[in-house]
């Protein structure tokens, strides 16, 4: 199994709204994509910003390509991400997963 990790940050006051948007867009699409094995969204609030780590789990790199396109290292964004995110990080990272994901 492969884990795909993306990071994004928003201004602290936009954390709740962005989480709802992220769940409605990225999480919903990932979960509908064949080969997806689950999603975790991590959130960390600090004084001035809210950071998110989006982890999606996949059966294989080929299944990730169905979601991300040929260059799986490139981050995918949705239209309103620019209204929320402090920056659009250009890449994601992938890791092999050892152990169960529940």
N, C-alpha and C. Protein backbone atom coordinates (compact mmCIF):
# COMPACT_ATOMS: atom_id res chain seq x y z
N UNK A 1 0.85 -1.17 0.00
CA UNK A 1 0.00 0.00 0.00
C UNK A 1 0.90 1.24 0.00
N UNK A 2 0.40 2.30 -0.63
CA UNK A 2 1.12 3.56 -0.74
C UNK A 2 0.32 4.66 -0.06
N UNK A 3 1.01 5.49 0.73
CA UNK A 3 0.39 6.67 1.33
C UNK A 3 0.84 7.90 0.55
N UNK A 4 -0.10 8.75 0.22
CA UNK A 4 0.17 10.00 -0.49
C UNK A 4 -0.09 11.13 0.50
N UNK A 5 0.94 11.95 0.77
CA UNK A 5 0.83 13.01 1.77
C UNK A 5 0.91 14.38 1.11
N UNK A 6 -0.05 15.21 1.47
CA UNK A 6 -0.09 16.61 1.03
C UNK A 6 -0.19 17.49 2.27
N UNK A 7 0.43 18.67 2.21
CA UNK A 7 0.35 19.64 3.30
C UNK A 7 -0.16 20.96 2.76
N UNK A 8 -0.99 21.62 3.56
CA UNK A 8 -1.45 22.96 3.23
C UNK A 8 -1.72 23.73 4.51
N UNK A 9 -1.67 25.06 4.43
CA UNK A 9 -1.92 25.91 5.59
C UNK A 9 -2.82 27.07 5.19
N UNK A 10 -3.69 27.43 6.14
CA UNK A 10 -4.60 28.56 5.94
C UNK A 10 -4.47 29.50 7.14
N UNK A 11 -4.96 30.73 6.98
CA UNK A 11 -5.01 31.64 8.12
C UNK A 11 -5.90 31.02 9.19
N UNK A 12 -5.56 31.24 10.44
CA UNK A 12 -6.24 30.57 11.57
C UNK A 12 -7.76 30.71 11.51
N UNK A 13 -8.27 31.83 11.14
CA UNK A 13 -9.72 32.04 11.10
C UNK A 13 -10.44 31.29 10.00
N UNK A 14 -9.69 30.71 9.06
CA UNK A 14 -10.31 29.97 7.95
C UNK A 14 -10.24 28.46 8.14
N UNK A 15 -9.74 28.00 9.27
CA UNK A 15 -9.53 26.56 9.48
C UNK A 15 -10.79 25.72 9.36
N UNK A 16 -11.86 26.13 10.03
CA UNK A 16 -13.09 25.34 9.98
C UNK A 16 -13.69 25.32 8.58
N UNK A 17 -13.71 26.46 7.93
CA UNK A 17 -14.28 26.53 6.59
C UNK A 17 -13.45 25.71 5.60
N UNK A 18 -12.12 25.77 5.73
CA UNK A 18 -11.29 25.00 4.80
C UNK A 18 -11.43 23.51 5.05
N UNK A 19 -11.54 23.09 6.29
CA UNK A 19 -11.73 21.67 6.57
C UNK A 19 -13.00 21.17 5.89
N UNK A 20 -14.08 21.90 6.00
CA UNK A 20 -15.33 21.50 5.36
C UNK A 20 -15.17 21.44 3.83
N UNK A 21 -14.46 22.42 3.27
CA UNK A 21 -14.22 22.45 1.83
C UNK A 21 -13.35 21.26 1.41
N UNK A 22 -12.31 20.98 2.18
CA UNK A 22 -11.40 19.87 1.88
C UNK A 22 -12.15 18.54 1.92
N UNK A 23 -13.03 18.38 2.88
CA UNK A 23 -13.82 17.15 2.97
C UNK A 23 -14.77 17.02 1.79
N UNK A 24 -15.36 18.12 1.36
CA UNK A 24 -16.33 18.09 0.26
C UNK A 24 -15.67 17.92 -1.11
N UNK A 25 -14.42 18.32 -1.24
CA UNK A 25 -13.75 18.24 -2.54
C UNK A 25 -12.75 17.08 -2.56
N UNK A 26 -11.58 17.31 -2.02
CA UNK A 26 -10.49 16.33 -2.09
C UNK A 26 -10.84 14.99 -1.46
N UNK A 27 -11.35 15.01 -0.23
CA UNK A 27 -11.66 13.74 0.42
C UNK A 27 -12.74 12.98 -0.34
N UNK A 28 -13.78 13.67 -0.74
CA UNK A 28 -14.87 13.00 -1.45
C UNK A 28 -14.39 12.39 -2.77
N UNK A 29 -13.58 13.13 -3.52
CA UNK A 29 -13.10 12.60 -4.80
C UNK A 29 -12.15 11.43 -4.60
N UNK A 30 -11.24 11.56 -3.65
CA UNK A 30 -10.30 10.47 -3.39
C UNK A 30 -11.05 9.20 -3.01
N UNK A 31 -12.01 9.31 -2.13
CA UNK A 31 -12.75 8.13 -1.68
C UNK A 31 -13.54 7.46 -2.81
N UNK A 32 -13.93 8.24 -3.82
CA UNK A 32 -14.66 7.69 -4.97
C UNK A 32 -13.74 7.04 -6.00
N UNK A 33 -12.44 7.29 -5.91
CA UNK A 33 -11.50 6.80 -6.91
C UNK A 33 -11.18 5.33 -6.66
N UNK A 34 -11.35 4.47 -7.66
CA UNK A 34 -11.01 3.06 -7.49
C UNK A 34 -9.55 2.89 -7.04
N UNK A 35 -9.35 2.02 -6.09
CA UNK A 35 -8.01 1.77 -5.58
C UNK A 35 -7.67 2.55 -4.32
N UNK A 36 -8.55 3.49 -3.93
CA UNK A 36 -8.31 4.20 -2.67
C UNK A 36 -8.68 3.29 -1.51
N UNK A 37 -7.82 3.33 -0.47
CA UNK A 37 -8.03 2.47 0.70
C UNK A 37 -8.37 3.26 1.96
N UNK A 38 -8.53 4.58 1.82
CA UNK A 38 -8.89 5.38 2.97
C UNK A 38 -8.20 6.72 2.98
N UNK A 39 -8.63 7.58 3.90
CA UNK A 39 -8.12 8.95 4.01
C UNK A 39 -8.04 9.32 5.49
N UNK A 40 -6.99 10.03 5.84
CA UNK A 40 -6.90 10.70 7.14
C UNK A 40 -6.60 12.17 6.88
N UNK A 41 -7.28 13.05 7.60
CA UNK A 41 -6.97 14.47 7.55
C UNK A 41 -6.48 14.87 8.93
N UNK A 42 -5.28 15.40 9.01
CA UNK A 42 -4.71 15.86 10.26
C UNK A 42 -4.77 17.39 10.28
N UNK A 43 -5.06 17.93 11.46
CA UNK A 43 -5.19 19.39 11.60
C UNK A 43 -4.39 19.84 12.82
N UNK A 44 -3.70 20.96 12.65
CA UNK A 44 -2.94 21.54 13.76
C UNK A 44 -3.14 23.05 13.75
N UNK A 45 -3.75 23.58 14.82
CA UNK A 45 -3.95 25.01 14.96
C UNK A 45 -2.78 25.61 15.74
N UNK A 46 -2.28 26.74 15.25
CA UNK A 46 -1.29 27.52 16.00
C UNK A 46 -1.84 28.94 16.13
N UNK A 47 -1.04 29.84 16.62
CA UNK A 47 -1.52 31.19 16.90
C UNK A 47 -2.09 31.89 15.67
N UNK A 48 -1.44 31.75 14.52
CA UNK A 48 -1.85 32.53 13.35
C UNK A 48 -2.25 31.70 12.14
N UNK A 49 -2.15 30.37 12.23
CA UNK A 49 -2.46 29.56 11.06
C UNK A 49 -2.97 28.19 11.48
N UNK A 50 -3.59 27.53 10.53
CA UNK A 50 -4.03 26.15 10.70
C UNK A 50 -3.38 25.32 9.61
N UNK A 51 -2.65 24.29 10.00
CA UNK A 51 -1.98 23.39 9.06
C UNK A 51 -2.80 22.12 8.91
N UNK A 52 -2.82 21.61 7.68
CA UNK A 52 -3.49 20.36 7.38
C UNK A 52 -2.50 19.41 6.71
N UNK A 53 -2.57 18.15 7.08
CA UNK A 53 -1.88 17.09 6.36
C UNK A 53 -2.96 16.13 5.90
N UNK A 54 -3.00 15.91 4.60
CA UNK A 54 -4.00 15.04 3.98
C UNK A 54 -3.27 13.78 3.55
N UNK A 55 -3.66 12.65 4.13
CA UNK A 55 -3.03 11.38 3.81
C UNK A 55 -4.07 10.48 3.16
N UNK A 56 -3.78 10.07 1.94
CA UNK A 56 -4.66 9.11 1.27
C UNK A 56 -3.87 7.83 1.04
N UNK A 57 -4.57 6.73 1.14
CA UNK A 57 -3.94 5.41 1.04
C UNK A 57 -4.43 4.72 -0.24
N UNK A 58 -3.48 4.10 -0.94
CA UNK A 58 -3.76 3.56 -2.27
C UNK A 58 -3.21 2.16 -2.43
N UNK A 59 -3.89 1.38 -3.26
CA UNK A 59 -3.43 0.01 -3.55
C UNK A 59 -2.10 -0.01 -4.28
N UNK A 60 -1.86 0.99 -5.16
CA UNK A 60 -0.65 0.98 -5.98
C UNK A 60 -0.40 2.36 -6.58
N UNK A 61 0.78 2.54 -7.14
CA UNK A 61 1.10 3.80 -7.83
C UNK A 61 0.20 3.98 -9.05
N UNK A 62 -0.14 2.89 -9.73
CA UNK A 62 -1.03 3.00 -10.89
C UNK A 62 -2.40 3.54 -10.49
N UNK A 63 -2.89 3.15 -9.33
CA UNK A 63 -4.18 3.68 -8.86
C UNK A 63 -4.08 5.16 -8.52
N UNK A 64 -2.93 5.59 -8.00
CA UNK A 64 -2.73 7.01 -7.72
C UNK A 64 -2.76 7.80 -9.03
N UNK A 65 -2.18 7.25 -10.09
CA UNK A 65 -2.18 7.93 -11.39
C UNK A 65 -3.60 8.20 -11.89
N UNK A 66 -4.53 7.32 -11.58
CA UNK A 66 -5.92 7.54 -12.00
C UNK A 66 -6.52 8.77 -11.34
N UNK A 67 -6.04 9.07 -10.13
CA UNK A 67 -6.50 10.26 -9.43
C UNK A 67 -5.65 11.48 -9.79
N UNK A 68 -4.33 11.33 -9.81
CA UNK A 68 -3.41 12.47 -9.89
C UNK A 68 -2.90 12.78 -11.28
N UNK A 69 -2.99 11.85 -12.20
CA UNK A 69 -2.40 12.05 -13.52
C UNK A 69 -1.04 11.38 -13.60
N UNK A 70 -0.38 11.54 -14.75
CA UNK A 70 0.88 10.84 -15.00
C UNK A 70 2.00 11.22 -14.02
N UNK A 71 2.10 12.49 -13.66
CA UNK A 71 3.14 12.91 -12.72
C UNK A 71 2.53 12.92 -11.32
N UNK A 72 2.67 11.82 -10.63
CA UNK A 72 2.00 11.67 -9.33
C UNK A 72 2.62 12.53 -8.24
N UNK A 73 3.77 13.13 -8.50
CA UNK A 73 4.41 14.00 -7.50
C UNK A 73 3.79 15.40 -7.46
N UNK A 74 3.03 15.76 -8.47
CA UNK A 74 2.43 17.08 -8.55
C UNK A 74 1.16 17.12 -7.69
N UNK A 75 1.05 18.13 -6.86
CA UNK A 75 -0.14 18.30 -6.01
C UNK A 75 -1.34 18.68 -6.87
N UNK A 76 -2.52 18.21 -6.49
CA UNK A 76 -3.77 18.57 -7.16
C UNK A 76 -4.50 19.60 -6.32
N UNK A 77 -5.03 20.61 -6.97
CA UNK A 77 -5.78 21.65 -6.27
C UNK A 77 -7.15 21.83 -6.91
N UNK A 78 -8.06 22.38 -6.11
CA UNK A 78 -9.41 22.65 -6.54
C UNK A 78 -9.59 24.17 -6.66
N UNK A 79 -10.61 24.63 -7.39
CA UNK A 79 -10.73 26.06 -7.71
C UNK A 79 -10.65 27.00 -6.51
N UNK A 80 -11.30 26.69 -5.42
CA UNK A 80 -11.33 27.62 -4.29
C UNK A 80 -10.12 27.50 -3.37
N UNK A 81 -9.21 26.56 -3.62
CA UNK A 81 -8.02 26.44 -2.78
C UNK A 81 -7.25 27.76 -2.71
N UNK A 82 -7.20 28.49 -3.80
CA UNK A 82 -6.46 29.76 -3.83
C UNK A 82 -7.05 30.80 -2.86
N UNK A 83 -8.34 30.68 -2.60
CA UNK A 83 -8.99 31.61 -1.67
C UNK A 83 -8.65 31.30 -0.22
N UNK A 84 -8.23 30.09 0.06
CA UNK A 84 -7.96 29.66 1.43
C UNK A 84 -6.47 29.56 1.76
N UNK A 85 -5.73 28.87 0.91
CA UNK A 85 -4.37 28.46 1.25
C UNK A 85 -3.38 29.63 1.23
N UNK A 86 -2.45 29.60 2.16
CA UNK A 86 -1.40 30.63 2.21
C UNK A 86 -0.43 30.48 1.05
N UNK A 87 -0.22 29.25 0.59
CA UNK A 87 0.56 28.98 -0.62
C UNK A 87 0.11 27.66 -1.20
N UNK A 88 0.37 27.46 -2.48
CA UNK A 88 0.05 26.20 -3.14
C UNK A 88 1.35 25.41 -3.27
N UNK A 89 1.56 24.52 -2.35
CA UNK A 89 2.77 23.71 -2.39
C UNK A 89 2.72 22.86 -3.66
N UNK A 90 3.81 22.82 -4.43
CA UNK A 90 3.76 22.20 -5.75
C UNK A 90 3.77 20.67 -5.76
N UNK A 91 4.26 20.04 -4.70
CA UNK A 91 4.41 18.59 -4.74
C UNK A 91 3.82 17.91 -3.52
N UNK A 92 3.66 16.61 -3.65
CA UNK A 92 3.25 15.73 -2.56
C UNK A 92 4.35 14.69 -2.39
N UNK A 93 4.26 13.90 -1.33
CA UNK A 93 5.22 12.82 -1.13
C UNK A 93 4.48 11.50 -0.99
N UNK A 94 5.18 10.44 -1.31
CA UNK A 94 4.60 9.10 -1.23
C UNK A 94 5.49 8.21 -0.37
N UNK A 95 4.83 7.34 0.40
CA UNK A 95 5.53 6.40 1.27
C UNK A 95 4.88 5.04 1.16
N UNK A 96 5.69 3.99 1.26
CA UNK A 96 5.14 2.65 1.40
C UNK A 96 4.60 2.51 2.82
N UNK A 97 3.49 1.84 2.93
CA UNK A 97 2.85 1.65 4.24
C UNK A 97 3.09 0.22 4.70
N UNK A 98 3.54 0.10 5.93
CA UNK A 98 3.75 -1.21 6.55
C UNK A 98 2.86 -1.26 7.78
N UNK A 99 1.95 -2.20 7.83
CA UNK A 99 1.00 -2.30 8.92
C UNK A 99 -0.39 -1.98 8.43
N UNK A 100 -1.36 -2.11 9.31
CA UNK A 100 -2.75 -1.91 8.96
C UNK A 100 -3.16 -0.45 9.01
N UNK A 101 -4.04 -0.07 8.10
CA UNK A 101 -4.68 1.23 8.12
C UNK A 101 -6.15 0.97 8.38
N UNK A 102 -6.69 1.59 9.38
CA UNK A 102 -8.10 1.35 9.73
C UNK A 102 -8.87 2.62 9.68
